[in-house]
């Protein structure tokens, strides 16, 4: 997996620990279809944000999205994030 923490890029291999502090821009990308990550968050509450955005996985997985999310999807993400004190830039 590749993590970007502010301006630092970390190419994580199994066993790598990555710290992404609150208030610092961060993102990650799974580089393989079998990537796994264990995410811990402190303080609690972030799981409620993730839960609100979650959808049940259908029996037949849909095709990967083609292109960027719709303006409506982006607006929904930003609105839900704001409820949990998360700022999207």
PDB file of N, CA and C in Angstrom:
ATOM      1  N   UNK A   1       0.851  -1.163   0.000  1.00  0.00           N
ATOM      2  CA  UNK A   1       0.000   0.000   0.000  1.00  0.00           C
ATOM      3  C   UNK A   1       0.894   1.223   0.000  1.00  0.00           C
ATOM      4  N   UNK A   2       0.370   2.285  -0.566  1.00  0.00           N
ATOM      5  CA  UNK A   2       1.091   3.550  -0.568  1.00  0.00           C
ATOM      6  C   UNK A   2       0.315   4.547   0.276  1.00  0.00           C
ATOM      7  N   UNK A   3       1.004   5.148   1.234  1.00  0.00           N
ATOM      8  CA  UNK A   3       0.413   6.157   2.100  1.00  0.00           C
ATOM      9  C   UNK A   3       1.077   7.494   1.825  1.00  0.00           C
ATOM     10  N   UNK A   4       0.283   8.545   1.798  1.00  0.00           N
ATOM     11  CA  UNK A   4       0.800   9.909   1.679  1.00  0.00           C
ATOM     12  C   UNK A   4       0.376  10.652   2.940  1.00  0.00           C
ATOM     13  N   UNK A   5       1.353  11.047   3.735  1.00  0.00           N
ATOM     14  CA  UNK A   5       1.114  11.774   4.976  1.00  0.00           C
ATOM     15  C   UNK A   5       1.754  13.146   4.791  1.00  0.00           C
ATOM     16  N   UNK A   6       0.915  14.159   4.586  1.00  0.00           N
ATOM     17  CA  UNK A   6       1.377  15.506   4.237  1.00  0.00           C
ATOM     18  C   UNK A   6       2.207  15.384   2.962  1.00  0.00           C
ATOM     19  N   UNK A   7       3.509  15.606   3.016  1.00  0.00           N
ATOM     20  CA  UNK A   7       4.343  15.515   1.810  1.00  0.00           C
ATOM     21  C   UNK A   7       5.229  14.270   1.818  1.00  0.00           C
ATOM     22  N   UNK A   8       4.994  13.374   2.781  1.00  0.00           N
ATOM     23  CA  UNK A   8       5.790  12.155   2.885  1.00  0.00           C
ATOM     24  C   UNK A   8       5.047  10.995   2.235  1.00  0.00           C
ATOM     25  N   UNK A   9       5.736  10.262   1.363  1.00  0.00           N
ATOM     26  CA  UNK A   9       5.163   9.082   0.723  1.00  0.00           C
ATOM     27  C   UNK A   9       5.808   7.849   1.348  1.00  0.00           C
ATOM     28  N   UNK A  10       4.954   6.918   1.788  1.00  0.00           N
ATOM     29  CA  UNK A  10       5.437   5.684   2.420  1.00  0.00           C
ATOM     30  C   UNK A  10       4.935   4.507   1.597  1.00  0.00           C
ATOM     31  N   UNK A  11       5.852   3.709   1.087  1.00  0.00           N
ATOM     32  CA  UNK A  11       5.506   2.485   0.358  1.00  0.00           C
ATOM     33  C   UNK A  11       5.547   1.354   1.384  1.00  0.00           C
ATOM     34  N   UNK A  12       4.384   1.043   1.931  1.00  0.00           N
ATOM     35  CA  UNK A  12       4.292   0.089   3.033  1.00  0.00           C
ATOM     36  C   UNK A  12       4.287  -1.349   2.535  1.00  0.00           C
ATOM     37  N   UNK A  13       5.033  -2.170   3.227  1.00  0.00           N
ATOM     38  CA  UNK A  13       5.062  -3.615   2.986  1.00  0.00           C
ATOM     39  C   UNK A  13       4.441  -4.273   4.213  1.00  0.00           C
ATOM     40  N   UNK A  14       4.126  -5.573   4.167  1.00  0.00           N
ATOM     41  CA  UNK A  14       3.536  -6.215   5.336  1.00  0.00           C
ATOM     42  C   UNK A  14       4.351  -5.947   6.601  1.00  0.00           C
ATOM     43  N   UNK A  15       3.639  -5.563   7.663  1.00  0.00           N
ATOM     44  CA  UNK A  15       4.277  -5.282   8.942  1.00  0.00           C
ATOM     45  C   UNK A  15       4.602  -3.825   9.165  1.00  0.00           C
ATOM     46  N   UNK A  16       4.416  -2.980   8.154  1.00  0.00           N
ATOM     47  CA  UNK A  16       4.720  -1.553   8.290  1.00  0.00           C
ATOM     48  C   UNK A  16       3.661  -0.874   9.143  1.00  0.00           C
ATOM     49  N   UNK A  17       4.082   0.013  10.042  1.00  0.00           N
ATOM     50  CA  UNK A  17       3.177   0.826  10.848  1.00  0.00           C
ATOM     51  C   UNK A  17       3.226   2.236  10.295  1.00  0.00           C
ATOM     52  N   UNK A  18       2.067   2.797  10.010  1.00  0.00           N
ATOM     53  CA  UNK A  18       1.989   4.161   9.471  1.00  0.00           C
ATOM     54  C   UNK A  18       1.121   4.987  10.407  1.00  0.00           C
ATOM     55  N   UNK A  19       1.609   6.151  10.817  1.00  0.00           N
ATOM     56  CA  UNK A  19       0.875   7.054  11.698  1.00  0.00           C
ATOM     57  C   UNK A  19       0.436   8.266  10.888  1.00  0.00           C
ATOM     58  N   UNK A  20      -0.876   8.529  10.898  1.00  0.00           N
ATOM     59  CA  UNK A  20      -1.441   9.680  10.190  1.00  0.00           C
ATOM     60  C   UNK A  20      -2.180  10.541  11.209  1.00  0.00           C
ATOM     61  N   UNK A  21      -1.524  11.548  11.766  1.00  0.00           N
ATOM     62  CA  UNK A  21      -2.146  12.333  12.829  1.00  0.00           C
ATOM     63  C   UNK A  21      -3.313  13.187  12.334  1.00  0.00           C
ATOM     64  N   UNK A  22      -4.279  13.383  13.221  1.00  0.00           N
ATOM     65  CA  UNK A  22      -5.413  14.242  12.927  1.00  0.00           C
ATOM     66  C   UNK A  22      -4.908  15.640  12.591  1.00  0.00           C
ATOM     67  N   UNK A  23      -5.523  16.252  11.598  1.00  0.00           N
ATOM     68  CA  UNK A  23      -5.150  17.613  11.215  1.00  0.00           C
ATOM     69  C   UNK A  23      -4.068  17.664  10.141  1.00  0.00           C
ATOM     70  N   UNK A  24      -3.481  16.530   9.802  1.00  0.00           N
ATOM     71  CA  UNK A  24      -2.467  16.464   8.753  1.00  0.00           C
ATOM     72  C   UNK A  24      -3.104  15.752   7.556  1.00  0.00           C
ATOM     73  N   UNK A  25      -3.001  16.345   6.376  1.00  0.00           N
ATOM     74  CA  UNK A  25      -3.576  15.713   5.185  1.00  0.00           C
ATOM     75  C   UNK A  25      -2.949  14.345   4.984  1.00  0.00           C
ATOM     76  N   UNK A  26      -3.813  13.349   4.751  1.00  0.00           N
ATOM     77  CA  UNK A  26      -3.301  12.000   4.516  1.00  0.00           C
ATOM     78  C   UNK A  26      -4.276  11.213   3.647  1.00  0.00           C
ATOM     79  N   UNK A  27      -3.718  10.263   2.924  1.00  0.00           N
ATOM     80  CA  UNK A  27      -4.503   9.385   2.063  1.00  0.00           C
ATOM     81  C   UNK A  27      -3.732   8.086   1.883  1.00  0.00           C
ATOM     82  N   UNK A  28      -4.402   7.095   1.314  1.00  0.00           N
ATOM     83  CA  UNK A  28      -3.705   5.844   1.028  1.00  0.00           C
ATOM     84  C   UNK A  28      -4.305   5.197  -0.201  1.00  0.00           C
ATOM     85  N   UNK A  29      -3.531   4.297  -0.800  1.00  0.00           N
ATOM     86  CA  UNK A  29      -3.969   3.581  -1.995  1.00  0.00           C
ATOM     87  C   UNK A  29      -3.522   2.133  -1.870  1.00  0.00           C
ATOM     88  N   UNK A  30      -4.457   1.226  -2.119  1.00  0.00           N
ATOM     89  CA  UNK A  30      -4.124  -0.206  -2.164  1.00  0.00           C
ATOM     90  C   UNK A  30      -3.522  -0.487  -3.531  1.00  0.00           C
ATOM     91  N   UNK A  31      -2.321  -1.003  -3.547  1.00  0.00           N
ATOM     92  CA  UNK A  31      -1.619  -1.238  -4.816  1.00  0.00           C
ATOM     93  C   UNK A  31      -1.884  -2.619  -5.409  1.00  0.00           C
ATOM     94  N   UNK A  32      -2.532  -3.492  -4.641  1.00  0.00           N
ATOM     95  CA  UNK A  32      -2.859  -4.821  -5.136  1.00  0.00           C
ATOM     96  C   UNK A  32      -4.298  -5.140  -4.755  1.00  0.00           C
ATOM     97  N   UNK A  33      -4.876  -6.126  -5.412  1.00  0.00           N
ATOM     98  CA  UNK A  33      -6.245  -6.518  -5.098  1.00  0.00           C
ATOM     99  C   UNK A  33      -6.328  -7.282  -3.785  1.00  0.00           C
ATOM    100  N   UNK A  34      -5.204  -7.699  -3.243  1.00  0.00           N
ATOM    101  CA  UNK A  34      -5.205  -8.466  -1.996  1.00  0.00           C
ATOM    102  C   UNK A  34      -4.642  -7.673  -0.820  1.00  0.00           C
ATOM    103  N   UNK A  35      -4.475  -6.376  -0.972  1.00  0.00           N
ATOM    104  CA  UNK A  35      -3.958  -5.549   0.126  1.00  0.00           C
ATOM    105  C   UNK A  35      -4.879  -5.634   1.329  1.00  0.00           C
ATOM    106  N   UNK A  36      -4.280  -5.636   2.498  1.00  0.00           N
ATOM    107  CA  UNK A  36      -5.035  -5.642   3.745  1.00  0.00           C
ATOM    108  C   UNK A  36      -4.454  -4.568   4.649  1.00  0.00           C
ATOM    109  N   UNK A  37      -5.327  -3.931   5.425  1.00  0.00           N
ATOM    110  CA  UNK A  37      -4.868  -2.907   6.352  1.00  0.00           C
ATOM    111  C   UNK A  37      -5.688  -3.006   7.635  1.00  0.00           C
ATOM    112  N   UNK A  38      -5.028  -2.826   8.750  1.00  0.00           N
ATOM    113  CA  UNK A  38      -5.688  -2.752  10.041  1.00  0.00           C
ATOM    114  C   UNK A  38      -5.639  -1.288  10.452  1.00  0.00           C
ATOM    115  N   UNK A  39      -6.804  -0.688  10.591  1.00  0.00           N
ATOM    116  CA  UNK A  39      -6.897   0.730  10.905  1.00  0.00           C
ATOM    117  C   UNK A  39      -7.369   0.899  12.337  1.00  0.00           C
ATOM    118  N   UNK A  40      -6.608   1.638  13.119  1.00  0.00           N
ATOM    119  CA  UNK A  40      -7.042   1.981  14.470  1.00  0.00           C
ATOM    120  C   UNK A  40      -7.139   3.504  14.540  1.00  0.00           C
ATOM    121  N   UNK A  41      -8.160   3.962  15.242  1.00  0.00           N
ATOM    122  CA  UNK A  41      -8.416   5.402  15.313  1.00  0.00           C
ATOM    123  C   UNK A  41      -8.629   5.790  16.762  1.00  0.00           C
ATOM    124  N   UNK A  42      -7.990   6.874  17.154  1.00  0.00           N
ATOM    125  CA  UNK A  42      -8.164   7.402  18.504  1.00  0.00           C
ATOM    126  C   UNK A  42      -8.272   8.912  18.410  1.00  0.00           C
ATOM    127  N   UNK A  43      -9.218   9.552  19.058  1.00  0.00           N
ATOM    128  CA  UNK A  43     -10.275   8.950  19.859  1.00  0.00           C
ATOM    129  C   UNK A  43     -11.343   8.314  18.972  1.00  0.00           C
ATOM    130  N   UNK A  44     -12.246   7.591  19.592  1.00  0.00           N
ATOM    131  CA  UNK A  44     -13.292   6.915  18.832  1.00  0.00           C
ATOM    132  C   UNK A  44     -14.224   7.939  18.183  1.00  0.00           C
ATOM    133  N   UNK A  45     -15.021   7.469  17.258  1.00  0.00           N
ATOM    134  CA  UNK A  45     -15.981   8.328  16.559  1.00  0.00           C
ATOM    135  C   UNK A  45     -15.849   8.222  15.051  1.00  0.00           C
ATOM    136  N   UNK A  46     -14.633   8.021  14.564  1.00  0.00           N
ATOM    137  CA  UNK A  46     -14.413   7.925  13.122  1.00  0.00           C
ATOM    138  C   UNK A  46     -15.181   6.756  12.531  1.00  0.00           C
ATOM    139  N   UNK A  47     -15.351   5.697  13.331  1.00  0.00           N
ATOM    140  CA  UNK A  47     -16.071   4.525  12.841  1.00  0.00           C
ATOM    141  C   UNK A  47     -17.521   4.863  12.507  1.00  0.00           C
ATOM    142  N   UNK A  48     -18.087   5.854  13.173  1.00  0.00           N
ATOM    143  CA  UNK A  48     -19.455   6.286  12.859  1.00  0.00           C
ATOM    144  C   UNK A  48     -19.507   6.943  11.477  1.00  0.00           C
ATOM    145  N   UNK A  49     -18.485   7.711  11.137  1.00  0.00           N
ATOM    146  CA  UNK A  49     -18.372   8.317   9.812  1.00  0.00           C
ATOM    147  C   UNK A  49     -18.293   7.224   8.750  1.00  0.00           C
ATOM    148  N   UNK A  50     -17.419   6.247   8.975  1.00  0.00           N
ATOM    149  CA  UNK A  50     -17.259   5.146   8.020  1.00  0.00           C
ATOM    150  C   UNK A  50     -18.568   4.363   7.897  1.00  0.00           C
ATOM    151  N   UNK A  51     -19.216   4.097   9.031  1.00  0.00           N
ATOM    152  CA  UNK A  51     -20.470   3.349   9.019  1.00  0.00           C
ATOM    153  C   UNK A  51     -21.551   4.087   8.230  1.00  0.00           C
ATOM    154  N   UNK A  52     -21.643   5.387   8.391  1.00  0.00           N
ATOM    155  CA  UNK A  52     -22.668   6.151   7.672  1.00  0.00           C
ATOM    156  C   UNK A  52     -22.443   6.130   6.163  1.00  0.00           C
ATOM    157  N   UNK A  53     -21.190   6.046   5.735  1.00  0.00           N
ATOM    158  CA  UNK A  53     -20.883   6.012   4.303  1.00  0.00           C
ATOM    159  C   UNK A  53     -20.955   4.598   3.715  1.00  0.00           C
ATOM    160  N   UNK A  54     -21.018   3.611   4.578  1.00  0.00           N
ATOM    161  CA  UNK A  54     -20.949   2.219   4.120  1.00  0.00           C
ATOM    162  C   UNK A  54     -22.237   1.762   3.454  1.00  0.00           C
ATOM    163  N   UNK A  55     -22.069   0.797   2.552  1.00  0.00           N
ATOM    164  CA  UNK A  55     -23.193   0.141   1.885  1.00  0.00           C
ATOM    165  C   UNK A  55     -22.930  -1.355   1.934  1.00  0.00           C
ATOM    166  N   UNK A  56     -23.995  -2.152   2.073  1.00  0.00           N
ATOM    167  CA  UNK A  56     -23.791  -3.608   2.046  1.00  0.00           C
ATOM    168  C   UNK A  56     -23.186  -4.034   0.699  1.00  0.00           C
ATOM    169  N   UNK A  57     -22.330  -5.035   0.751  1.00  0.00           N
ATOM    170  CA  UNK A  57     -21.719  -5.541  -0.479  1.00  0.00           C
ATOM    171  C   UNK A  57     -22.739  -6.442  -1.178  1.00  0.00           C
ATOM    172  N   UNK A  58     -23.055  -6.130  -2.433  1.00  0.00           N
ATOM    173  CA  UNK A  58     -24.017  -6.989  -3.147  1.00  0.00           C
ATOM    174  C   UNK A  58     -23.399  -8.356  -3.436  1.00  0.00           C
ATOM    175  N   UNK A  59     -24.266  -9.345  -3.661  1.00  0.00           N
ATOM    176  CA  UNK A  59     -23.778 -10.692  -3.952  1.00  0.00           C
ATOM    177  C   UNK A  59     -22.886 -10.683  -5.187  1.00  0.00           C
ATOM    178  N   UNK A  60     -23.299  -9.951  -6.204  1.00  0.00           N
ATOM    179  CA  UNK A  60     -22.500  -9.793  -7.422  1.00  0.00           C
ATOM    180  C   UNK A  60     -21.832  -8.426  -7.355  1.00  0.00           C
ATOM    181  N   UNK A  61     -20.518  -8.421  -7.209  1.00  0.00           N
ATOM    182  CA  UNK A  61     -19.812  -7.144  -7.109  1.00  0.00           C
ATOM    183  C   UNK A  61     -19.987  -6.329  -8.382  1.00  0.00           C
ATOM    184  N   UNK A  62     -20.200  -5.013  -8.243  1.00  0.00           N
ATOM    185  CA  UNK A  62     -20.323  -4.162  -9.425  1.00  0.00           C
ATOM    186  C   UNK A  62     -18.964  -3.952 -10.070  1.00  0.00           C
ATOM    187  N   UNK A  63     -18.973  -3.487 -11.298  1.00  0.00           N
ATOM    188  CA  UNK A  63     -17.730  -3.132 -11.978  1.00  0.00           C
ATOM    189  C   UNK A  63     -17.096  -1.939 -11.276  1.00  0.00           C
ATOM    190  N   UNK A  64     -15.800  -1.813 -11.404  1.00  0.00           N
ATOM    191  CA  UNK A  64     -15.104  -0.666 -10.821  1.00  0.00           C
ATOM    192  C   UNK A  64     -15.627   0.614 -11.463  1.00  0.00           C
ATOM    193  N   UNK A  65     -15.710   1.686 -10.684  1.00  0.00           N
ATOM    194  CA  UNK A  65     -16.196   2.951 -11.246  1.00  0.00           C
ATOM    195  C   UNK A  65     -15.326   3.405 -12.411  1.00  0.00           C
ATOM    196  N   UNK A  66     -15.964   4.011 -13.376  1.00  0.00           N
ATOM    197  CA  UNK A  66     -15.249   4.558 -14.537  1.00  0.00           C
ATOM    198  C   UNK A  66     -15.309   6.069 -14.440  1.00  0.00           C
ATOM    199  N   UNK A  67     -14.232   6.687 -14.005  1.00  0.00           N
ATOM    200  CA  UNK A  67     -14.197   8.136 -13.869  1.00  0.00           C
ATOM    201  C   UNK A  67     -14.413   8.573 -12.434  1.00  0.00           C
ATOM    202  N   UNK A  68     -14.425   9.880 -12.231  1.00  0.00           N
ATOM    203  CA  UNK A  68     -14.549  10.416 -10.868  1.00  0.00           C
ATOM    204  C   UNK A  68     -15.970  10.273 -10.330  1.00  0.00           C
ATOM    205  N   UNK A  69     -16.130  10.424  -9.016  1.00  0.00           N
ATOM    206  CA  UNK A  69     -17.476  10.386  -8.437  1.00  0.00           C
ATOM    207  C   UNK A  69     -18.323  11.548  -8.966  1.00  0.00           C
ATOM    208  N   UNK A  70     -19.626  11.369  -8.907  1.00  0.00           N
ATOM    209  CA  UNK A  70     -20.546  12.423  -9.356  1.00  0.00           C
ATOM    210  C   UNK A  70     -20.486  13.602  -8.387  1.00  0.00           C
ATOM    211  N   UNK A  71     -20.874  14.792  -8.843  1.00  0.00           N
ATOM    212  CA  UNK A  71     -20.936  15.943  -7.927  1.00  0.00           C
ATOM    213  C   UNK A  71     -21.836  15.659  -6.719  1.00  0.00           C
ATOM    214  N   UNK A  72     -22.921  14.889  -6.922  1.00  0.00           N
ATOM    215  CA  UNK A  72     -23.818  14.561  -5.812  1.00  0.00           C
ATOM    216  C   UNK A  72     -23.108  13.676  -4.779  1.00  0.00           C
ATOM    217  N   UNK A  73     -22.331  12.717  -5.254  1.00  0.00           N
ATOM    218  CA  UNK A  73     -21.599  11.831  -4.340  1.00  0.00           C
ATOM    219  C   UNK A  73     -20.547  12.612  -3.558  1.00  0.00           C
ATOM    220  N   UNK A  74     -19.879  13.529  -4.215  1.00  0.00           N
ATOM    221  CA  UNK A  74     -18.869  14.356  -3.543  1.00  0.00           C
ATOM    222  C   UNK A  74     -19.528  15.237  -2.494  1.00  0.00           C
ATOM    223  N   UNK A  75     -20.663  15.843  -2.843  1.00  0.00           N
ATOM    224  CA  UNK A  75     -21.387  16.694  -1.891  1.00  0.00           C
ATOM    225  C   UNK A  75     -21.822  15.880  -0.671  1.00  0.00           C
ATOM    226  N   UNK A  76     -22.335  14.669  -0.894  1.00  0.00           N
ATOM    227  CA  UNK A  76     -22.760  13.809   0.216  1.00  0.00           C
ATOM    228  C   UNK A  76     -21.581  13.485   1.125  1.00  0.00           C
ATOM    229  N   UNK A  77     -20.435  13.141   0.542  1.00  0.00           N
ATOM    230  CA  UNK A  77     -19.240  12.833   1.333  1.00  0.00           C
ATOM    231  C   UNK A  77     -18.830  14.027   2.183  1.00  0.00           C
ATOM    232  N   UNK A  78     -18.778  15.201   1.582  1.00  0.00           N
ATOM    233  CA  UNK A  78     -18.367  16.414   2.301  1.00  0.00           C
ATOM    234  C   UNK A  78     -19.358  16.730   3.420  1.00  0.00           C
ATOM    235  N   UNK A  79     -20.654  16.567   3.153  1.00  0.00           N
ATOM    236  CA  UNK A  79     -21.680  16.853   4.169  1.00  0.00           C
ATOM    237  C   UNK A  79     -21.591  15.895   5.341  1.00  0.00           C
ATOM    238  N   UNK A  80     -21.437  14.611   5.045  1.00  0.00           N
ATOM    239  CA  UNK A  80     -21.334  13.615   6.118  1.00  0.00           C
ATOM    240  C   UNK A  80     -20.043  13.826   6.902  1.00  0.00           C
ATOM    241  N   UNK A  81     -18.949  14.099   6.220  1.00  0.00           N
ATOM    242  CA  UNK A  81     -17.674  14.336   6.895  1.00  0.00           C
ATOM    243  C   UNK A  81     -17.785  15.503   7.873  1.00  0.00           C
ATOM    244  N   UNK A  82     -18.458  16.574   7.460  1.00  0.00           N
ATOM    245  CA  UNK A  82     -18.596  17.753   8.303  1.00  0.00           C
ATOM    246  C   UNK A  82     -19.300  17.417   9.632  1.00  0.00           C
ATOM    247  N   UNK A  83     -20.246  16.480   9.583  1.00  0.00           N
ATOM    248  CA  UNK A  83     -20.955  16.068  10.804  1.00  0.00           C
ATOM    249  C   UNK A  83     -20.000  15.503  11.853  1.00  0.00           C
ATOM    250  N   UNK A  84     -18.878  14.946  11.384  1.00  0.00           N
ATOM    251  CA  UNK A  84     -17.912  14.305  12.280  1.00  0.00           C
ATOM    252  C   UNK A  84     -16.630  15.125  12.448  1.00  0.00           C
ATOM    253  N   UNK A  85     -16.699  16.397  12.053  1.00  0.00           N
ATOM    254  CA  UNK A  85     -15.543  17.268  12.230  1.00  0.00           C
ATOM    255  C   UNK A  85     -14.408  16.994  11.278  1.00  0.00           C
ATOM    256  N   UNK A  86     -14.720  16.351  10.134  1.00  0.00           N
ATOM    257  CA  UNK A  86     -13.703  16.028   9.142  1.00  0.00           C
ATOM    258  C   UNK A  86     -13.828  17.031   7.990  1.00  0.00           C
ATOM    259  N   UNK A  87     -12.717  17.652   7.648  1.00  0.00           N
ATOM    260  CA  UNK A  87     -12.711  18.642   6.575  1.00  0.00           C
ATOM    261  C   UNK A  87     -12.064  18.035   5.328  1.00  0.00           C
ATOM    262  N   UNK A  88     -12.798  18.041   4.226  1.00  0.00           N
ATOM    263  CA  UNK A  88     -12.273  17.545   2.954  1.00  0.00           C
ATOM    264  C   UNK A  88     -11.768  18.724   2.140  1.00  0.00           C
ATOM    265  N   UNK A  89     -10.575  18.591   1.604  1.00  0.00           N
ATOM    266  CA  UNK A  89     -10.013  19.662   0.760  1.00  0.00           C
ATOM    267  C   UNK A  89      -9.632  19.135  -0.571  1.00  0.00           C
TER     268      UNK A  89
END
